[in-house]
Every structure is written in C-alpha cells, then in structure tokens.
Amino acid sequence: MSLVAVLLLSLTVASVQSQRSTQDHFMMQYFERRLAQMEERLNQCERNTVNVNQRIYDISSEVRGQLSVFNVLRSEVKSQVDSVSIRVDRVERELEYLENKIPTQSNIEIEEALLEQQMRDAELDKLKKKAKIKLENDCGTALSGVKSLKIVKKAGDSSGSWFKDPSKGSTKVYFLSGLTNNTLLEYVSLKVFMGGSARQTARVVQLPFHWQGTGQMVYNGFLYYHKADTPNQILKVHLLNGTVVDSMLLSGAGRLPAYSLNPNTYLDMAVDELGLWVIHADPDYGGNLVITKLDKDSLAVEHTWDTLCKSRDAEGAFLLCGTLYVVYNTRYGGRSSVQCLYDIYDTIHSEESPVLFFPKGYTSHTSLHYHHKDKQLYAWDDGYQTIYKVETARKDQVTAAAG
C-alpha cells in the first residue's frame, strides 16, 4: 500500500514539473518576442535620429549658403549706393556750375518782338565772351608734336617731380625727390639748378605734411599737392612760410592710381592756360581718367569732366589749353606716346588726332608737367631731370593734318 502511494506521489511530482517546464518555455518565448520588438523599435528610433540629424545639417548648410548670398548682395547694394551717391554729388556740382554760369530769365512778361531782340543781344554777348576767352587764353591751340629732348641733370631718387612756376614773371625751379617726402628745394632759376649741387644753391622748404606720389605743382608761389596717408586731400601751402593756407577733399578720387605705370600717384596737379587742374582715375567709370578744374584761390571745384582715356598702361598726363593729353608706355619701359586726348571744348578728338611719339627711344616717366609759357614739358625719367620741347598748332590744323 505504501509502495502505491509513493508511486502516485512520484507521478504527481513529474506531472507538475512537466507543466512548469512548459510554462517556462512559453514565458521565454514571450520575453524573446518582446525583446525583439523592443530592439526593432530602438533600431527604428536610431534610424529616425540619424535622418533628423542629416536633415538638420542640410538645412544648416542651406541657411549658411543663403547667408553668404545675402552678404554678397548686401556688399553689391552698398557698392551701388556708394556709386550712386558719388554720381549724385557730381550731378549736384554740375548743376551748381550750370546755375552759376547760366543767367536766370526774368519773370516779367514782355512783348514777342522785345523778347526776340533780347535773345539776339544775349547770343551776341555770348559770342563776344567766347571770343574774349579764346583771345585771352589762346585756347585755340593744340599739341602737334613732342620734339627735342634735353637732359638737364641727374639728381635725387628714381621717382620725383620738378618744374617751373608758370606764373607770370617767375623763373623759379622746384625740385621734389621721392614718392613721399616733406622737403622741397627751390632754385632761383634753371641755370642755378643746372650748375650747383642739390642743396648748396637751393632754398630748403620743410613742408608741414608729407606728399603722396609725384603729382605736385607750384602756381603763383603756392604748392598744391596730395597729402600723404589720405585718400583724396589736397593741400595748398604758401612757400614763403611753409604753412597750409587751404585744403579740400576731392570727392570720388583716391580709390585708384591715376596711372597704372605710376601706382603711387593718385592725384596729379596740373596748370595750363586756363588755370589749375587735378587729374585722377575713377573706378566707377572703368578706370577712366577724370579732370577737375579748381579755383586756385579757394580750391573750390569749378567743373568736372569724365574722359574716355584709360588709366591702364598710362605713365602720365598733362593739360594744354583745356585739352588733356595722356602718355602711355609699357611696364618694361619703351617709347612713350600720346595715344588719347580729351578736349573740354569738344573741338578735337582722339580718333581724329595722330599718335604723338616722344623723341627718346626708351623712357619711363614718373612725372610730366607742362609749362605753357615756355611750351616745354618738365619730365622725371628714372632720376634724370629732362625737358621736352613741344610744338603746337591751331586745333583745326591738327585735325586737318590727321585727316
């Protein structure tokens, strides 16, 4: 009996163990399925995170690209606004010039016959004034040739400027060596300059500020020059006491060298039969040269002309009777030639005028200054002070000869 009980107990235990094993197996399968589902969800979450990060990076790159384009557009707009501002300023000066030059019409109503008579009288007065200007300034002449060459001296640096004061009765010669300096040498005559050493026979003038480039000019005892370390400031210095008597800022100038072969000269002063001028290049007009007429007493701008003459490959320029003559060369040095001109009276034009060559075969001028009374060009050629004799003719004769 006890043996049967033991057997029954064993069978019962075995049955219970079998049931537990089956339950454990089902539980393991359940947990494995859940873990697999969770792993798949984690993988999907990781893939979504990678996609989001990539999208954020793409959007960031696109935003950076748009910001770069915006910065470029902003720079272009600023440049255009600055250019428009300069042009508006120039138009205002031209309008002011025209207002000063053109007489205002009366508001009084007059009869038609009287109005016609006044118009005829005004036209006659205008013709008389033109004739008087041409007679006083002899501005019917033009450059017809650059002939003889005279080497006066070799002194100073490879770059510099020298010239005579074109004022009536003046024989003084001025010597300015270097691209930036504040020491000017004054000689009582060309003979004295040729004879003695640089300083022994000269009066030394210490200027209050250094000059920039080789575009200086003396007119009626005053030195006009570009002040160093400024883009466009012109000083007027009295040479008797070396003090600044006036200054001005030339709007739109100083952003580009006047001549590409002389990259240190931004403002080039000049004097001709009409008075004081300044030559500079304007990047807003393709680097073309611009000439501005200045009042020699107040430095006020009288008028500005935009020319078609390029600054590229130019080494210098000068004015003769209201006409700009631009001298070109190569950066290796060669035969200088006048290849472009601009006449403020619109009487002669470059395409109607011949190319005028300088007599010397190989030159490299750092400055050219025309003396309208001597009809000579005072040039600085690699440390040599030279003089060119120029020939002039009536403008109609020059154009006829070219044709």
Protein backbone atom coordinates (compact mmCIF):
# COMPACT_ATOMS: atom_id res chain seq x y z
CA MET A 1 0.00 0.00 0.00
CA SER A 2 2.78 2.38 0.84
CA LEU A 3 4.53 1.49 -2.39
CA VAL A 4 1.47 2.55 -4.36
CA ALA A 5 1.34 5.83 -2.52
CA VAL A 6 4.93 6.56 -3.29
CA LEU A 7 4.38 5.75 -6.93
CA LEU A 8 1.37 8.07 -7.13
CA LEU A 9 3.34 10.83 -5.45
CA SER A 10 6.17 10.45 -7.95
CA LEU A 11 3.77 10.64 -10.87
CA THR A 12 2.17 13.74 -9.43
CA VAL A 13 5.52 15.47 -8.99
CA ALA A 14 6.57 14.55 -12.52
CA SER A 15 3.33 15.95 -13.89
CA VAL A 16 3.79 19.20 -12.01
CA GLN A 17 7.39 19.54 -13.22
CA SER A 18 6.26 18.88 -16.77
CA GLN A 19 3.65 21.61 -16.55
CA ARG A 20 6.18 24.09 -15.10
CA SER A 21 8.66 23.32 -17.88
CA THR A 22 6.01 24.01 -20.49
CA GLN A 23 5.04 27.30 -18.83
CA ASP A 24 8.69 28.37 -18.57
CA HIS A 25 9.18 27.63 -22.26
CA PHE A 26 6.19 29.77 -23.19
CA MET A 27 7.41 32.59 -20.94
CA MET A 28 10.87 32.53 -22.53
CA GLN A 29 9.35 32.71 -25.99
CA TYR A 30 7.18 35.64 -24.91
CA PHE A 31 10.12 37.56 -23.44
CA GLU A 32 12.22 36.87 -26.53
CA ARG A 33 9.47 38.22 -28.77
CA ARG A 34 9.12 41.34 -26.60
CA LEU A 35 12.88 41.91 -26.57
CA ALA A 36 13.00 41.53 -30.36
CA GLN A 37 10.17 44.06 -30.75
CA MET A 38 11.94 46.48 -28.41
CA GLU A 39 15.23 46.03 -30.29
CA GLU A 40 13.47 46.71 -33.59
CA ARG A 41 11.88 49.86 -32.15
CA LEU A 42 15.26 51.04 -30.83
CA ASN A 43 16.81 50.48 -34.27
CA GLN A 44 13.98 52.42 -35.91
CA CYS A 45 14.43 55.23 -33.37
CA GLU A 46 18.16 55.32 -34.13
CA ARG A 47 17.45 55.46 -37.88
CA ASN A 48 14.97 58.29 -37.35
CA THR A 49 17.54 60.17 -35.22
CA VAL A 50 20.16 59.84 -37.98
CA ASN A 51 17.66 61.10 -40.56
CA VAL A 52 16.72 64.06 -38.38
CA ASN A 53 20.38 64.96 -37.80
CA GLN A 54 21.07 64.76 -41.54
CA ARG A 55 18.07 66.97 -42.27
CA ILE A 56 19.21 69.50 -39.66
CA TYR A 57 22.69 69.53 -41.23
CA ASP A 58 21.24 70.01 -44.72
CA ILE A 59 19.03 72.87 -43.53
CA SER A 60 22.02 74.46 -41.72
CA SER A 61 24.15 74.22 -44.89
CA GLU A 62 21.35 75.74 -46.95
CA VAL A 63 20.95 78.59 -44.43
CA ARG A 64 24.71 79.24 -44.47
CA GLY A 65 24.64 79.34 -48.27
CA GLN A 66 21.73 81.76 -48.26
CA LEU A 67 23.56 83.94 -45.71
CA SER A 68 26.63 84.03 -47.97
CA VAL A 69 24.48 85.05 -50.93
CA PHE A 70 22.82 87.69 -48.75
CA ASN A 71 26.20 89.09 -47.66
CA VAL A 72 27.34 89.29 -51.30
CA LEU A 73 24.10 91.03 -52.30
CA ARG A 74 24.44 93.40 -49.36
CA SER A 75 28.01 94.29 -50.43
CA GLU A 76 26.85 94.85 -54.02
CA VAL A 77 23.97 97.04 -52.87
CA LYS A 78 26.32 99.05 -50.63
CA SER A 79 28.76 99.49 -53.51
CA GLN A 80 25.95 100.60 -55.83
CA VAL A 81 24.62 103.00 -53.20
CA ASP A 82 28.11 104.49 -52.75
CA SER A 83 28.46 104.80 -56.54
CA VAL A 84 25.06 106.47 -56.83
CA SER A 85 25.99 108.82 -54.00
CA ILE A 86 29.19 109.84 -55.82
CA ARG A 87 27.30 110.35 -59.07
CA VAL A 88 24.58 112.37 -57.34
CA ASP A 89 27.28 114.52 -55.77
CA ARG A 90 28.84 115.04 -59.20
CA VAL A 91 25.46 115.91 -60.75
CA GLU A 92 24.85 118.41 -57.94
CA ARG A 93 28.23 120.02 -58.66
CA GLU A 94 27.42 120.19 -62.37
CA LEU A 95 24.00 121.68 -61.66
CA GLU A 96 25.60 124.22 -59.33
CA TYR A 97 28.14 125.01 -62.05
CA LEU A 98 25.37 125.48 -64.63
CA GLU A 99 23.37 127.64 -62.24
CA ASN A 100 26.40 129.86 -61.73
CA LYS A 101 27.17 130.06 -65.44
CA ILE A 102 23.70 130.38 -66.95
CA PRO A 103 21.90 133.66 -66.27
CA THR A 104 18.38 133.45 -64.86
CA GLN A 105 15.47 134.55 -67.01
CA SER A 106 13.31 137.42 -65.92
CA ASN A 107 9.75 136.70 -64.90
CA ILE A 108 8.49 139.96 -66.38
CA GLU A 109 6.20 139.46 -69.34
CA ILE A 110 7.47 141.26 -72.40
CA GLU A 111 6.26 141.55 -75.95
CA GLU A 112 7.40 139.00 -78.51
CA ALA A 113 9.41 141.47 -80.54
CA LEU A 114 11.30 142.70 -77.46
CA LEU A 115 11.98 139.10 -76.39
CA GLU A 116 13.49 138.27 -79.77
CA GLN A 117 15.70 141.35 -79.56
CA GLN A 118 16.91 140.35 -76.12
CA MET A 119 17.68 136.84 -77.36
CA ARG A 120 19.72 138.24 -80.23
CA ASP A 121 21.58 140.54 -77.85
CA ALA A 122 22.26 137.67 -75.45
CA GLU A 123 23.57 135.50 -78.28
CA LEU A 124 25.80 138.33 -79.45
CA ASP A 125 27.15 138.84 -75.91
CA LYS A 126 27.79 135.10 -75.64
CA LEU A 127 29.79 135.12 -78.87
CA LYS A 128 31.76 138.14 -77.66
CA LYS A 129 32.57 136.40 -74.38
CA LYS A 130 33.72 133.27 -76.20
CA ALA A 131 35.90 135.35 -78.46
CA LYS A 132 37.33 137.19 -75.46
CA ILE A 133 38.12 133.92 -73.63
CA LYS A 134 39.87 132.49 -76.66
CA LEU A 135 41.80 135.70 -77.18
CA GLU A 136 42.92 135.99 -73.54
CA ASN A 137 43.77 132.31 -73.04
CA ASP A 138 44.78 131.44 -76.62
CA CYS A 139 42.84 128.20 -76.30
CA GLY A 140 42.50 127.52 -79.97
CA THR A 141 45.85 125.70 -79.96
CA ALA A 142 46.60 122.00 -79.64
CA LEU A 143 49.65 119.77 -79.31
CA SER A 144 51.12 118.85 -82.69
CA GLY A 145 54.41 117.21 -81.68
CA VAL A 146 56.97 116.43 -78.98
CA LYS A 147 60.34 117.21 -80.47
CA SER A 148 63.73 117.87 -78.90
CA LEU A 149 64.95 116.32 -75.66
CA LYS A 150 67.40 117.89 -73.22
CA ILE A 151 68.79 116.05 -70.20
CA VAL A 152 69.28 118.80 -67.62
CA LYS A 153 70.61 116.89 -64.64
CA LYS A 154 70.64 113.61 -62.73
CA ALA A 155 69.74 114.04 -59.07
CA GLY A 156 67.51 112.57 -56.37
CA ASP A 157 65.62 109.30 -56.34
CA SER A 158 64.43 107.30 -59.33
CA SER A 159 60.98 108.86 -58.83
CA GLY A 160 60.13 112.51 -58.26
CA SER A 161 58.96 115.71 -59.92
CA TRP A 162 60.44 119.03 -60.95
CA PHE A 163 59.01 122.06 -62.73
CA LYS A 164 58.92 125.83 -63.05
CA ASP A 165 56.27 128.06 -61.57
CA PRO A 166 54.14 129.04 -64.63
CA SER A 167 53.11 132.34 -63.04
CA LYS A 168 53.92 135.49 -64.98
CA GLY A 169 57.49 136.66 -64.48
CA SER A 170 58.56 133.70 -62.34
CA THR A 171 61.86 131.91 -63.12
CA LYS A 172 61.96 129.68 -60.02
CA VAL A 173 62.52 125.95 -60.33
CA TYR A 174 61.20 123.42 -57.79
CA PHE A 175 62.66 120.00 -57.03
CA LEU A 176 60.75 117.28 -55.12
CA SER A 177 62.55 113.95 -54.83
CA GLY A 178 60.86 110.71 -53.82
CA LEU A 179 57.34 109.30 -53.72
CA THR A 180 56.71 110.62 -50.19
CA ASN A 181 58.71 113.37 -48.52
CA ASN A 182 58.30 116.81 -46.99
CA THR A 183 61.45 118.57 -48.23
CA LEU A 184 61.14 120.88 -51.24
CA LEU A 185 64.13 122.60 -52.87
CA GLU A 186 63.62 125.99 -54.53
CA TYR A 187 66.09 127.41 -57.09
CA VAL A 188 66.02 130.99 -58.35
CA SER A 189 66.46 129.88 -61.98
CA LEU A 190 67.03 126.91 -64.25
CA LYS A 191 70.68 127.96 -64.70
CA VAL A 192 71.28 127.81 -60.96
CA PHE A 193 69.57 124.42 -60.77
CA MET A 194 71.82 123.04 -63.51
CA GLY A 195 75.03 124.45 -62.06
CA GLY A 196 75.24 123.67 -58.35
CA SER A 197 74.74 120.72 -56.06
CA ALA A 198 71.27 119.84 -54.86
CA ARG A 199 71.22 121.72 -51.52
CA GLN A 200 74.08 124.24 -51.70
CA THR A 201 72.34 126.53 -54.20
CA ALA A 202 68.74 125.87 -53.13
CA ARG A 203 66.38 127.24 -50.53
CA VAL A 204 65.12 124.33 -48.45
CA VAL A 205 61.43 124.40 -47.59
CA GLN A 206 60.16 121.97 -44.94
CA LEU A 207 56.52 121.25 -45.65
CA PRO A 208 54.07 120.73 -42.77
CA PHE A 209 52.96 117.35 -44.17
CA HIS A 210 54.46 114.71 -46.46
CA TRP A 211 53.30 114.46 -50.05
CA GLN A 212 51.99 111.35 -51.81
CA GLY A 213 53.16 110.40 -55.32
CA THR A 214 54.63 112.75 -57.93
CA GLY A 215 51.64 114.92 -58.80
CA GLN A 216 52.73 118.16 -57.09
CA MET A 217 52.58 121.61 -58.73
CA VAL A 218 53.62 125.17 -57.81
CA TYR A 219 51.42 128.00 -59.04
CA ASN A 220 51.88 131.66 -58.12
CA GLY A 221 54.13 130.83 -55.15
CA PHE A 222 51.81 128.16 -53.67
CA LEU A 223 52.44 124.42 -53.67
CA TYR A 224 49.45 122.19 -54.39
CA TYR A 225 49.85 118.52 -53.53
CA HIS A 226 48.21 115.29 -52.36
CA LYS A 227 48.66 114.89 -48.60
CA ALA A 228 50.22 111.52 -47.69
CA ASP A 229 48.13 108.94 -45.77
CA THR A 230 44.88 110.45 -47.05
CA PRO A 231 42.85 109.15 -49.99
CA ASN A 232 41.88 112.47 -51.57
CA GLN A 233 43.01 115.52 -49.57
CA ILE A 234 44.70 118.34 -51.48
CA LEU A 235 46.78 120.92 -49.59
CA LYS A 236 47.68 124.46 -50.62
CA VAL A 237 50.91 125.55 -48.93
CA HIS A 238 52.45 129.05 -49.00
CA LEU A 239 56.11 128.53 -49.87
CA LEU A 240 57.27 131.75 -48.19
CA ASN A 241 56.49 130.45 -44.70
CA GLY A 242 55.62 126.77 -45.32
CA THR A 243 52.12 126.97 -43.85
CA VAL A 244 48.87 125.42 -45.06
CA VAL A 245 46.54 128.15 -46.27
CA ASP A 246 43.75 125.92 -47.58
CA SER A 247 42.76 122.30 -48.22
CA MET A 248 39.95 120.33 -49.84
CA LEU A 249 38.70 116.75 -50.28
CA LEU A 250 38.20 115.76 -53.91
CA SER A 251 35.03 113.67 -53.98
CA GLY A 252 35.32 110.29 -55.72
CA ALA A 253 39.12 110.45 -56.05
CA GLY A 254 41.88 108.42 -54.41
CA ARG A 255 40.45 104.92 -54.96
CA LEU A 256 42.59 104.09 -57.98
CA PRO A 257 46.05 105.29 -59.15
CA ALA A 258 45.79 107.92 -61.84
CA TYR A 259 48.28 105.98 -63.99
CA SER A 260 48.80 102.22 -63.72
CA LEU A 261 52.52 102.57 -64.55
CA ASN A 262 52.93 105.02 -61.63
CA PRO A 263 50.85 103.28 -58.93
CA ASN A 264 51.83 105.71 -56.15
CA THR A 265 50.28 108.79 -57.79
CA TYR A 266 46.55 109.13 -57.14
CA LEU A 267 46.08 112.89 -57.65
CA ASP A 268 48.08 114.70 -60.33
CA MET A 269 48.01 118.51 -60.22
CA ALA A 270 48.43 120.44 -63.48
CA VAL A 271 48.41 124.03 -64.72
CA ASP A 272 47.68 125.26 -68.24
CA GLU A 273 46.44 128.44 -69.92
CA LEU A 274 43.09 128.10 -68.13
CA GLY A 275 44.43 127.63 -64.61
CA LEU A 276 44.66 124.86 -62.00
CA TRP A 277 43.56 121.26 -62.60
CA VAL A 278 43.68 117.86 -60.89
CA ILE A 279 43.73 114.54 -62.75
CA HIS A 280 42.57 111.26 -61.20
CA ALA A 281 41.08 107.89 -62.18
CA ASP A 282 37.56 106.76 -61.35
CA PRO A 283 36.85 103.00 -60.91
CA ASP A 284 33.13 103.70 -61.37
CA TYR A 285 33.85 104.67 -65.00
CA GLY A 286 36.02 101.68 -65.87
CA GLY A 287 39.19 103.28 -64.57
CA ASN A 288 38.94 106.20 -66.99
CA LEU A 289 40.65 109.48 -66.17
CA VAL A 290 38.67 112.39 -64.74
CA ILE A 291 39.79 116.03 -64.89
CA THR A 292 38.57 118.63 -62.43
CA LYS A 293 39.02 122.39 -62.75
CA LEU A 294 39.82 124.04 -59.40
CA ASP A 295 39.77 127.64 -58.29
CA LYS A 296 43.42 128.36 -57.44
CA ASP A 297 42.48 130.72 -54.61
CA SER A 298 39.75 128.79 -52.76
CA LEU A 299 40.29 125.25 -54.17
CA ALA A 300 36.57 125.17 -54.99
CA VAL A 301 35.55 122.76 -57.75
CA GLU A 302 34.55 124.71 -60.86
CA HIS A 303 33.67 121.75 -63.07
CA THR A 304 34.46 118.06 -63.65
CA TRP A 305 34.76 116.16 -66.93
CA ASP A 306 34.71 112.36 -67.34
CA THR A 307 37.05 111.36 -70.17
CA LEU A 308 37.34 108.24 -72.31
CA CYS A 309 41.09 107.97 -71.68
CA LYS A 310 42.12 104.83 -69.79
CA SER A 311 44.46 104.85 -66.80
CA ARG A 312 45.73 101.40 -67.75
CA ASP A 313 49.27 101.49 -69.25
CA ALA A 314 49.39 105.27 -68.71
CA GLU A 315 52.51 106.80 -67.14
CA GLY A 316 51.44 110.44 -67.00
CA ALA A 317 49.32 113.21 -68.46
CA PHE A 318 49.23 116.97 -68.85
CA LEU A 319 46.82 119.69 -69.96
CA LEU A 320 47.38 122.16 -72.76
CA CYS A 321 44.75 124.79 -73.49
CA GLY A 322 41.91 122.84 -71.89
CA THR A 323 42.85 119.55 -73.55
CA LEU A 324 44.07 116.51 -71.61
CA TYR A 325 46.91 114.56 -73.24
CA VAL A 326 47.60 111.09 -71.81
CA VAL A 327 51.03 109.49 -72.24
CA TYR A 328 51.24 105.68 -72.48
CA ASN A 329 54.09 103.21 -72.27
CA THR A 330 54.83 99.61 -71.21
CA ARG A 331 55.80 98.44 -67.73
CA TYR A 332 59.21 97.44 -69.13
CA GLY A 333 59.88 100.94 -70.48
CA GLY A 334 59.73 101.91 -74.11
CA ARG A 335 58.92 104.78 -76.41
CA SER A 336 56.37 107.00 -74.71
CA SER A 337 53.49 108.24 -76.84
CA VAL A 338 50.34 110.35 -76.58
CA GLN A 339 47.53 107.99 -77.58
CA CYS A 340 44.46 109.63 -76.04
CA LEU A 341 43.21 113.17 -75.59
CA TYR A 342 40.12 114.89 -74.25
CA ASP A 343 39.15 118.43 -75.24
CA ILE A 344 36.71 120.18 -72.88
CA TYR A 345 35.57 122.31 -75.83
CA ASP A 346 34.85 119.14 -77.87
CA THR A 347 36.78 120.58 -80.81
CA ILE A 348 39.33 117.78 -81.32
CA HIS A 349 39.01 114.05 -80.64
CA SER A 350 41.38 111.11 -80.16
CA GLU A 351 40.14 109.25 -83.22
CA GLU A 352 40.83 112.31 -85.38
CA SER A 353 44.31 113.01 -83.95
CA PRO A 354 47.59 111.21 -84.72
CA VAL A 355 49.61 109.27 -82.14
CA LEU A 356 52.45 111.54 -80.99
CA PHE A 357 55.71 109.81 -80.05
CA PHE A 358 58.37 111.15 -77.72
CA PRO A 359 61.83 111.52 -79.31
CA LYS A 360 63.78 109.23 -76.95
CA GLY A 361 63.59 105.50 -77.68
CA TYR A 362 63.38 104.11 -74.13
CA THR A 363 61.89 106.12 -71.31
CA SER A 364 59.93 105.65 -68.12
CA HIS A 365 58.46 108.88 -66.82
CA THR A 366 57.30 109.22 -63.22
CA SER A 367 56.05 112.80 -63.74
CA LEU A 368 55.22 115.18 -66.59
CA HIS A 369 54.48 118.89 -66.08
CA TYR A 370 53.67 121.28 -68.91
CA HIS A 371 54.82 124.92 -68.78
CA HIS A 372 52.52 126.80 -71.13
CA LYS A 373 54.69 129.92 -71.35
CA ASP A 374 57.90 128.05 -72.21
CA LYS A 375 55.98 125.44 -74.24
CA GLN A 376 58.06 122.75 -72.56
CA LEU A 377 57.45 119.52 -70.68
CA TYR A 378 59.41 119.05 -67.47
CA ALA A 379 59.86 115.28 -67.01
CA TRP A 380 61.46 112.94 -64.46
CA ASP A 381 62.97 109.92 -66.22
CA ASP A 382 64.47 107.35 -63.80
CA GLY A 383 66.30 110.03 -61.81
CA TYR A 384 67.11 112.22 -64.84
CA GLN A 385 65.54 115.67 -64.99
CA THR A 386 64.69 116.22 -68.66
CA ILE A 387 62.95 118.84 -70.80
CA TYR A 388 60.94 118.18 -73.94
CA LYS A 389 60.19 120.94 -76.40
CA VAL A 390 56.62 120.72 -77.65
CA GLU A 391 55.09 122.10 -80.81
CA THR A 392 51.57 123.47 -81.05
CA ALA A 393 49.22 124.41 -83.87
CA ARG A 394 45.68 125.60 -84.34
CA LYS A 395 43.18 122.86 -83.50
CA ASP A 396 41.69 122.89 -86.97
CA GLN A 397 45.17 122.46 -88.45
CA VAL A 398 45.91 119.46 -86.21
CA THR A 399 42.69 117.68 -87.20
CA ALA A 400 43.23 118.53 -90.88
CA ALA A 401 46.78 117.11 -90.77
CA ALA A 402 45.48 113.92 -89.15
CA GLY A 403 42.86 113.52 -91.85
